[in-house]
């Protein structure tokens, strides 16, 4: 059941990050949003390039910031991976993995105190099968987001180290959103990785141990994205309300 939960939470991360990026792009110029997310873009782009190279593809016309009004990252036009099935999975999955590793590194060096205060209520390792379980899951997610906010508030946010950590985690978490035109590839990669982990789990318990070790980082990423998504929705709703009232006035 943990493999289904892993797949589910990875999909939640992708959609939440994608939603946050879209909301921010509606509030600010897309170029401004992409420039603010530059550290996360760099890490995700490195993961993408690594996926192309490992799969035997060709890296061409790849850049972190396009020289236009969007400043979007640009991927290879046709990477042509030589490894069937596994190649596209690596290309779609490694940007997500690179950002997760970046969060782990940032947590270990800059935000260890924040992460230690967080995680008393980790993500569920099994999915609900009934209505009561569904409502409990929603309640647990709100609690998870609340713990994330409390952990940040308990730290000295005016300290440079803490501020840099928060900024980097936000950039890395939001950049877990698929690159333009790569949404279906990323979703397919997550599903295939979940299936591969489940098949591997039939042969050895090593995959379960790896998942359990990475579960705190997964929980932290979900908490960050949930808080960002809720704040972004509230700000976007307030802005649209002000626009409507201004037009009627």
C-alpha atoms as a PDB file:
ATOM      1  CA  UNK A   1       0.000   0.000   0.000  1.00  0.00           C
ATOM      2  CA  UNK A   2       2.946   2.307   0.586  1.00  0.00           C
ATOM      3  CA  UNK A   3       3.744   2.228  -3.146  1.00  0.00           C
ATOM      4  CA  UNK A   4       0.271   3.491  -4.006  1.00  0.00           C
ATOM      5  CA  UNK A   5       0.654   6.192  -1.349  1.00  0.00           C
ATOM      6  CA  UNK A   6       4.046   7.179  -2.770  1.00  0.00           C
ATOM      7  CA  UNK A   7       2.583   7.517  -6.259  1.00  0.00           C
ATOM      8  CA  UNK A   8      -0.387   9.484  -4.932  1.00  0.00           C
ATOM      9  CA  UNK A   9       1.734  11.982  -2.970  1.00  0.00           C
ATOM     10  CA  UNK A  10       4.128  12.494  -5.861  1.00  0.00           C
ATOM     11  CA  UNK A  11       1.156  13.295  -8.080  1.00  0.00           C
ATOM     12  CA  UNK A  12      -0.134  15.711  -5.419  1.00  0.00           C
ATOM     13  CA  UNK A  13       3.269  17.425  -5.372  1.00  0.00           C
ATOM     14  CA  UNK A  14       3.306  17.818  -9.150  1.00  0.00           C
ATOM     15  CA  UNK A  15      -0.234  19.215  -9.350  1.00  0.00           C
ATOM     16  CA  UNK A  16       0.204  21.479  -6.304  1.00  0.00           C
ATOM     17  CA  UNK A  17       3.484  22.880  -7.650  1.00  0.00           C
ATOM     18  CA  UNK A  18       1.916  23.363 -11.067  1.00  0.00           C
ATOM     19  CA  UNK A  19      -1.070  25.145  -9.497  1.00  0.00           C
ATOM     20  CA  UNK A  20       1.151  27.455  -7.443  1.00  0.00           C
ATOM     21  CA  UNK A  21       3.189  28.350 -10.521  1.00  0.00           C
ATOM     22  CA  UNK A  22       0.044  29.110 -12.533  1.00  0.00           C
ATOM     23  CA  UNK A  23      -1.408  31.251  -9.736  1.00  0.00           C
ATOM     24  CA  UNK A  24       1.801  33.214  -9.378  1.00  0.00           C
ATOM     25  CA  UNK A  25       1.967  33.696 -13.147  1.00  0.00           C
ATOM     26  CA  UNK A  26      -1.541  35.177 -12.987  1.00  0.00           C
ATOM     27  CA  UNK A  27      -0.548  37.617 -10.250  1.00  0.00           C
ATOM     28  CA  UNK A  28       2.880  38.625 -11.568  1.00  0.00           C
ATOM     29  CA  UNK A  29       4.569  38.707 -14.943  1.00  0.00           C
ATOM     30  CA  UNK A  30       5.730  35.248 -15.939  1.00  0.00           C
ATOM     31  CA  UNK A  31       9.276  36.550 -16.406  1.00  0.00           C
ATOM     32  CA  UNK A  32       9.280  37.850 -12.820  1.00  0.00           C
ATOM     33  CA  UNK A  33       8.031  34.503 -11.474  1.00  0.00           C
ATOM     34  CA  UNK A  34      10.633  32.508 -13.387  1.00  0.00           C
ATOM     35  CA  UNK A  35      13.451  34.823 -12.311  1.00  0.00           C
ATOM     36  CA  UNK A  36      12.379  34.480  -8.678  1.00  0.00           C
ATOM     37  CA  UNK A  37      12.443  30.685  -9.051  1.00  0.00           C
ATOM     38  CA  UNK A  38      15.892  30.693 -10.674  1.00  0.00           C
ATOM     39  CA  UNK A  39      17.663  28.451  -8.072  1.00  0.00           C
ATOM     40  CA  UNK A  40      14.936  25.816  -8.375  1.00  0.00           C
ATOM     41  CA  UNK A  41      14.945  26.137 -12.171  1.00  0.00           C
ATOM     42  CA  UNK A  42      18.701  25.549 -12.270  1.00  0.00           C
ATOM     43  CA  UNK A  43      18.445  22.375 -10.154  1.00  0.00           C
ATOM     44  CA  UNK A  44      15.475  21.022 -12.127  1.00  0.00           C
ATOM     45  CA  UNK A  45      17.206  21.772 -15.424  1.00  0.00           C
ATOM     46  CA  UNK A  46      20.332  19.944 -14.258  1.00  0.00           C
ATOM     47  CA  UNK A  47      18.145  16.950 -13.414  1.00  0.00           C
ATOM     48  CA  UNK A  48      16.573  17.123 -16.866  1.00  0.00           C
ATOM     49  CA  UNK A  49      19.961  17.279 -18.613  1.00  0.00           C
ATOM     50  CA  UNK A  50      21.235  14.378 -16.513  1.00  0.00           C
ATOM     51  CA  UNK A  51      18.161  12.341 -17.466  1.00  0.00           C
ATOM     52  CA  UNK A  52      18.764  13.021 -21.160  1.00  0.00           C
ATOM     53  CA  UNK A  53      22.445  12.086 -20.942  1.00  0.00           C
ATOM     54  CA  UNK A  54      21.870   8.928 -18.884  1.00  0.00           C
ATOM     55  CA  UNK A  55      19.208   7.756 -21.328  1.00  0.00           C
ATOM     56  CA  UNK A  56      21.594   8.264 -24.254  1.00  0.00           C
ATOM     57  CA  UNK A  57      19.772  11.277 -25.665  1.00  0.00           C
ATOM     58  CA  UNK A  58      21.099  14.483 -27.170  1.00  0.00           C
ATOM     59  CA  UNK A  59      21.191  17.781 -25.286  1.00  0.00           C
ATOM     60  CA  UNK A  60      20.660  20.699 -27.652  1.00  0.00           C
ATOM     61  CA  UNK A  61      18.961  24.100 -27.451  1.00  0.00           C
ATOM     62  CA  UNK A  62      18.801  23.803 -23.669  1.00  0.00           C
ATOM     63  CA  UNK A  63      18.948  26.876 -21.456  1.00  0.00           C
ATOM     64  CA  UNK A  64      17.933  27.878 -17.944  1.00  0.00           C
ATOM     65  CA  UNK A  65      16.374  31.197 -19.024  1.00  0.00           C
ATOM     66  CA  UNK A  66      15.099  31.915 -22.510  1.00  0.00           C
ATOM     67  CA  UNK A  67      15.836  35.386 -23.808  1.00  0.00           C
ATOM     68  CA  UNK A  68      12.211  36.450 -24.172  1.00  0.00           C
ATOM     69  CA  UNK A  69       9.396  37.966 -22.122  1.00  0.00           C
ATOM     70  CA  UNK A  70       8.672  34.697 -20.267  1.00  0.00           C
ATOM     71  CA  UNK A  71      12.211  33.734 -19.147  1.00  0.00           C
ATOM     72  CA  UNK A  72      11.029  30.122 -19.174  1.00  0.00           C
ATOM     73  CA  UNK A  73      13.602  27.320 -19.128  1.00  0.00           C
ATOM     74  CA  UNK A  74      14.064  25.613 -22.477  1.00  0.00           C
ATOM     75  CA  UNK A  75      14.532  21.896 -22.979  1.00  0.00           C
ATOM     76  CA  UNK A  76      15.974  19.964 -25.885  1.00  0.00           C
ATOM     77  CA  UNK A  77      13.775  19.963 -28.976  1.00  0.00           C
ATOM     78  CA  UNK A  78      14.077  16.202 -29.473  1.00  0.00           C
ATOM     79  CA  UNK A  79      16.315  14.435 -26.928  1.00  0.00           C
ATOM     80  CA  UNK A  80      15.784  11.031 -28.616  1.00  0.00           C
ATOM     81  CA  UNK A  81      16.626   8.731 -25.660  1.00  0.00           C
ATOM     82  CA  UNK A  82      18.178   5.459 -26.763  1.00  0.00           C
ATOM     83  CA  UNK A  83      16.755   3.455 -23.871  1.00  0.00           C
ATOM     84  CA  UNK A  84      13.112   2.584 -24.632  1.00  0.00           C
ATOM     85  CA  UNK A  85      10.503   3.206 -21.918  1.00  0.00           C
ATOM     86  CA  UNK A  86      13.130   3.791 -19.203  1.00  0.00           C
ATOM     87  CA  UNK A  87      14.655   6.749 -21.057  1.00  0.00           C
ATOM     88  CA  UNK A  88      11.530   8.947 -21.061  1.00  0.00           C
ATOM     89  CA  UNK A  89      10.883   7.928 -17.440  1.00  0.00           C
ATOM     90  CA  UNK A  90      14.332   9.179 -16.426  1.00  0.00           C
ATOM     91  CA  UNK A  91      13.880  12.421 -18.337  1.00  0.00           C
ATOM     92  CA  UNK A  92      10.507  13.052 -16.721  1.00  0.00           C
ATOM     93  CA  UNK A  93      11.485  11.960 -13.228  1.00  0.00           C
ATOM     94  CA  UNK A  94      15.000  13.277 -12.625  1.00  0.00           C
ATOM     95  CA  UNK A  95      14.011  16.988 -12.414  1.00  0.00           C
ATOM     96  CA  UNK A  96      11.642  16.022  -9.590  1.00  0.00           C
ATOM     97  CA  UNK A  97      14.338  13.905  -7.923  1.00  0.00           C
ATOM     98  CA  UNK A  98      16.907  16.696  -8.300  1.00  0.00           C
ATOM     99  CA  UNK A  99      14.614  19.175  -6.542  1.00  0.00           C
ATOM    100  CA  UNK A 100      13.933  16.640  -3.763  1.00  0.00           C
ATOM    101  CA  UNK A 101      17.668  16.125  -3.288  1.00  0.00           C
ATOM    102  CA  UNK A 102      18.097  19.902  -3.237  1.00  0.00           C
ATOM    103  CA  UNK A 103      15.531  20.162  -0.438  1.00  0.00           C
ATOM    104  CA  UNK A 104      17.381  17.437   1.491  1.00  0.00           C
ATOM    105  CA  UNK A 105      20.713  19.252   1.121  1.00  0.00           C
ATOM    106  CA  UNK A 106      19.220  22.625   2.057  1.00  0.00           C
ATOM    107  CA  UNK A 107      17.495  21.050   5.064  1.00  0.00           C
ATOM    108  CA  UNK A 108      20.709  19.430   6.271  1.00  0.00           C
ATOM    109  CA  UNK A 109      22.897  22.517   5.982  1.00  0.00           C
ATOM    110  CA  UNK A 110      20.538  25.457   6.469  1.00  0.00           C
ATOM    111  CA  UNK A 111      17.235  24.362   7.976  1.00  0.00           C
ATOM    112  CA  UNK A 112      17.989  21.457  10.266  1.00  0.00           C
ATOM    113  CA  UNK A 113      16.295  23.153  13.223  1.00  0.00           C
ATOM    114  CA  UNK A 114      13.134  23.811  11.200  1.00  0.00           C
ATOM    115  CA  UNK A 115      12.933  20.253   9.886  1.00  0.00           C
ATOM    116  CA  UNK A 116      13.485  18.834  13.369  1.00  0.00           C
ATOM    117  CA  UNK A 117      10.463  20.779  14.636  1.00  0.00           C
ATOM    118  CA  UNK A 118       8.454  19.438  11.723  1.00  0.00           C
ATOM    119  CA  UNK A 119       7.203  15.961  10.990  1.00  0.00           C
ATOM    120  CA  UNK A 120       5.322  14.917  14.112  1.00  0.00           C
ATOM    121  CA  UNK A 121       2.405  14.198  11.774  1.00  0.00           C
ATOM    122  CA  UNK A 122       3.942  12.706   8.598  1.00  0.00           C
ATOM    123  CA  UNK A 123       1.987  11.878   5.494  1.00  0.00           C
ATOM    124  CA  UNK A 124      -0.182   8.780   5.569  1.00  0.00           C
ATOM    125  CA  UNK A 125       1.535   5.712   4.135  1.00  0.00           C
ATOM    126  CA  UNK A 126      -1.798   4.200   3.111  1.00  0.00           C
ATOM    127  CA  UNK A 127      -4.677   5.686   1.162  1.00  0.00           C
ATOM    128  CA  UNK A 128      -8.212   5.906   2.583  1.00  0.00           C
ATOM    129  CA  UNK A 129     -10.754   3.383   1.349  1.00  0.00           C
ATOM    130  CA  UNK A 130     -13.869   5.047   2.765  1.00  0.00           C
ATOM    131  CA  UNK A 131     -15.472   8.441   3.301  1.00  0.00           C
ATOM    132  CA  UNK A 132     -14.360   8.644   6.934  1.00  0.00           C
ATOM    133  CA  UNK A 133     -10.770   7.979   5.895  1.00  0.00           C
ATOM    134  CA  UNK A 134     -11.001  10.642   3.197  1.00  0.00           C
ATOM    135  CA  UNK A 135     -12.078  13.311   5.700  1.00  0.00           C
ATOM    136  CA  UNK A 136      -9.354  12.182   8.095  1.00  0.00           C
ATOM    137  CA  UNK A 137      -6.826  12.546   5.285  1.00  0.00           C
ATOM    138  CA  UNK A 138      -7.934  16.131   4.653  1.00  0.00           C
ATOM    139  CA  UNK A 139      -7.711  16.861   8.376  1.00  0.00           C
ATOM    140  CA  UNK A 140      -4.201  15.418   8.489  1.00  0.00           C
ATOM    141  CA  UNK A 141      -3.147  17.579   5.548  1.00  0.00           C
ATOM    142  CA  UNK A 142      -4.354  20.734   7.302  1.00  0.00           C
ATOM    143  CA  UNK A 143      -2.449  19.640  10.407  1.00  0.00           C
ATOM    144  CA  UNK A 144       0.631  19.010   8.276  1.00  0.00           C
ATOM    145  CA  UNK A 145       0.445  22.514   6.779  1.00  0.00           C
ATOM    146  CA  UNK A 146      -0.078  23.994  10.235  1.00  0.00           C
ATOM    147  CA  UNK A 147       3.019  22.198  11.546  1.00  0.00           C
ATOM    148  CA  UNK A 148       5.044  23.550   8.650  1.00  0.00           C
ATOM    149  CA  UNK A 149       3.999  27.118   9.422  1.00  0.00           C
ATOM    150  CA  UNK A 150       4.638  26.641  13.160  1.00  0.00           C
ATOM    151  CA  UNK A 151       8.114  25.247  12.456  1.00  0.00           C
ATOM    152  CA  UNK A 152       9.022  28.313  10.390  1.00  0.00           C
ATOM    153  CA  UNK A 153       7.509  30.722  12.916  1.00  0.00           C
ATOM    154  CA  UNK A 154       9.499  29.115  15.728  1.00  0.00           C
ATOM    155  CA  UNK A 155      12.740  29.768  13.851  1.00  0.00           C
ATOM    156  CA  UNK A 156      14.456  33.135  13.563  1.00  0.00           C
ATOM    157  CA  UNK A 157      13.132  34.134  10.141  1.00  0.00           C
ATOM    158  CA  UNK A 158      15.207  37.318  10.183  1.00  0.00           C
ATOM    159  CA  UNK A 159      18.417  35.319  10.357  1.00  0.00           C
ATOM    160  CA  UNK A 160      20.086  35.150   6.943  1.00  0.00           C
ATOM    161  CA  UNK A 161      20.553  31.391   7.115  1.00  0.00           C
ATOM    162  CA  UNK A 162      16.867  30.775   7.818  1.00  0.00           C
ATOM    163  CA  UNK A 163      15.705  33.242   5.166  1.00  0.00           C
ATOM    164  CA  UNK A 164      17.922  31.620   2.530  1.00  0.00           C
ATOM    165  CA  UNK A 165      16.634  28.165   3.511  1.00  0.00           C
ATOM    166  CA  UNK A 166      12.991  29.216   3.210  1.00  0.00           C
ATOM    167  CA  UNK A 167      13.657  30.851  -0.164  1.00  0.00           C
ATOM    168  CA  UNK A 168      15.496  27.816  -1.530  1.00  0.00           C
ATOM    169  CA  UNK A 169      12.832  25.376  -0.333  1.00  0.00           C
ATOM    170  CA  UNK A 170      10.085  27.455  -1.956  1.00  0.00           C
ATOM    171  CA  UNK A 171      12.017  27.626  -5.242  1.00  0.00           C
ATOM    172  CA  UNK A 172      12.759  23.905  -5.252  1.00  0.00           C
ATOM    173  CA  UNK A 173       9.238  22.875  -4.240  1.00  0.00           C
ATOM    174  CA  UNK A 174       7.511  25.025  -6.868  1.00  0.00           C
ATOM    175  CA  UNK A 175       9.984  23.859  -9.526  1.00  0.00           C
ATOM    176  CA  UNK A 176       8.750  20.327  -8.975  1.00  0.00           C
ATOM    177  CA  UNK A 177       6.070  21.399 -11.429  1.00  0.00           C
ATOM    178  CA  UNK A 178       6.640  19.876 -14.886  1.00  0.00           C
ATOM    179  CA  UNK A 179       8.360  21.987 -17.486  1.00  0.00           C
ATOM    180  CA  UNK A 180       6.117  23.379 -20.249  1.00  0.00           C
ATOM    181  CA  UNK A 181       4.977  20.586 -22.540  1.00  0.00           C
ATOM    182  CA  UNK A 182       6.248  17.856 -20.213  1.00  0.00           C
ATOM    183  CA  UNK A 183       3.230  17.344 -17.926  1.00  0.00           C
ATOM    184  CA  UNK A 184       2.115  14.010 -19.376  1.00  0.00           C
ATOM    185  CA  UNK A 185       5.686  12.732 -19.388  1.00  0.00           C
ATOM    186  CA  UNK A 186       6.153  13.605 -15.710  1.00  0.00           C
ATOM    187  CA  UNK A 187       2.836  12.042 -14.687  1.00  0.00           C
ATOM    188  CA  UNK A 188       3.592   8.899 -16.669  1.00  0.00           C
ATOM    189  CA  UNK A 189       7.046   8.725 -15.108  1.00  0.00           C
ATOM    190  CA  UNK A 190       5.610   8.923 -11.587  1.00  0.00           C
ATOM    191  CA  UNK A 191       3.117   6.134 -12.277  1.00  0.00           C
ATOM    192  CA  UNK A 192       5.779   3.920 -13.840  1.00  0.00           C
ATOM    193  CA  UNK A 193       8.163   4.557 -10.949  1.00  0.00           C
ATOM    194  CA  UNK A 194       5.416   3.572  -8.495  1.00  0.00           C
ATOM    195  CA  UNK A 195       4.782   0.349 -10.400  1.00  0.00           C
ATOM    196  CA  UNK A 196       8.503  -0.398 -10.639  1.00  0.00           C
ATOM    197  CA  UNK A 197       8.945   0.171  -6.897  1.00  0.00           C
ATOM    198  CA  UNK A 198       6.021  -2.168  -6.187  1.00  0.00           C
ATOM    199  CA  UNK A 199       7.510  -4.894  -8.396  1.00  0.00           C
ATOM    200  CA  UNK A 200      10.902  -4.410  -6.750  1.00  0.00           C
ATOM    201  CA  UNK A 201       9.224  -4.691  -3.355  1.00  0.00           C
ATOM    202  CA  UNK A 202       8.113  -8.209  -4.253  1.00  0.00           C
ATOM    203  CA  UNK A 203      11.764  -9.208  -4.556  1.00  0.00           C
ATOM    204  CA  UNK A 204      13.426  -7.250  -1.733  1.00  0.00           C
ATOM    205  CA  UNK A 205      12.578  -4.962   1.177  1.00  0.00           C
ATOM    206  CA  UNK A 206      15.262  -2.462   0.160  1.00  0.00           C
ATOM    207  CA  UNK A 207      12.761  -0.331  -1.762  1.00  0.00           C
ATOM    208  CA  UNK A 208      10.517  -0.027   1.308  1.00  0.00           C
ATOM    209  CA  UNK A 209      13.480   1.044   3.438  1.00  0.00           C
ATOM    210  CA  UNK A 210      14.451   3.710   0.897  1.00  0.00           C
ATOM    211  CA  UNK A 211      10.897   5.044   0.776  1.00  0.00           C
ATOM    212  CA  UNK A 212      10.655   5.226   4.567  1.00  0.00           C
ATOM    213  CA  UNK A 213      13.951   7.147   4.772  1.00  0.00           C
ATOM    214  CA  UNK A 214      12.734   9.663   2.209  1.00  0.00           C
ATOM    215  CA  UNK A 215       9.238   9.999   3.666  1.00  0.00           C
ATOM    216  CA  UNK A 216      10.066  13.024   5.932  1.00  0.00           C
ATOM    217  CA  UNK A 217      11.327  14.982   2.907  1.00  0.00           C
ATOM    218  CA  UNK A 218       8.203  14.015   0.976  1.00  0.00           C
ATOM    219  CA  UNK A 219       6.041  15.200   3.890  1.00  0.00           C
ATOM    220  CA  UNK A 220       7.937  18.484   4.145  1.00  0.00           C
ATOM    221  CA  UNK A 221       7.595  19.150   0.407  1.00  0.00           C
ATOM    222  CA  UNK A 222       3.843  18.492   0.518  1.00  0.00           C
ATOM    223  CA  UNK A 223       3.465  20.786   3.550  1.00  0.00           C
ATOM    224  CA  UNK A 224       5.348  23.629   1.843  1.00  0.00           C
ATOM    225  CA  UNK A 225       3.309  23.325  -1.340  1.00  0.00           C
ATOM    226  CA  UNK A 226       0.008  23.132   0.556  1.00  0.00           C
ATOM    227  CA  UNK A 227       0.803  26.358   2.433  1.00  0.00           C
ATOM    228  CA  UNK A 228       1.898  28.089  -0.776  1.00  0.00           C
ATOM    229  CA  UNK A 229      -1.203  26.885  -2.612  1.00  0.00           C
ATOM    230  CA  UNK A 230      -3.583  28.085   0.114  1.00  0.00           C
ATOM    231  CA  UNK A 231      -1.877  31.485   0.401  1.00  0.00           C
ATOM    232  CA  UNK A 232      -1.784  31.894  -3.384  1.00  0.00           C
ATOM    233  CA  UNK A 233      -5.486  31.048  -3.703  1.00  0.00           C
ATOM    234  CA  UNK A 234      -6.414  33.539  -0.994  1.00  0.00           C
ATOM    235  CA  UNK A 235      -4.315  36.307  -2.543  1.00  0.00           C
ATOM    236  CA  UNK A 236      -5.621  35.557  -6.040  1.00  0.00           C
ATOM    237  CA  UNK A 237      -9.202  35.555  -4.756  1.00  0.00           C
ATOM    238  CA  UNK A 238      -8.673  38.873  -2.953  1.00  0.00           C
ATOM    239  CA  UNK A 239      -7.130  40.459  -6.048  1.00  0.00           C
ATOM    240  CA  UNK A 240      -9.996  39.286  -8.270  1.00  0.00           C
ATOM    241  CA  UNK A 241     -12.545  40.552  -5.713  1.00  0.00           C
ATOM    242  CA  UNK A 242     -10.909  43.969  -5.693  1.00  0.00           C
ATOM    243  CA  UNK A 243     -10.969  44.029  -9.500  1.00  0.00           C
ATOM    244  CA  UNK A 244     -14.673  43.175  -9.596  1.00  0.00           C
ATOM    245  CA  UNK A 245     -15.530  45.813  -6.989  1.00  0.00           C
ATOM    246  CA  UNK A 246     -13.403  48.390  -8.807  1.00  0.00           C
ATOM    247  CA  UNK A 247     -15.253  47.750 -12.074  1.00  0.00           C
ATOM    248  CA  UNK A 248     -18.646  48.056 -10.415  1.00  0.00           C
ATOM    249  CA  UNK A 249     -17.624  51.242  -8.616  1.00  0.00           C
END
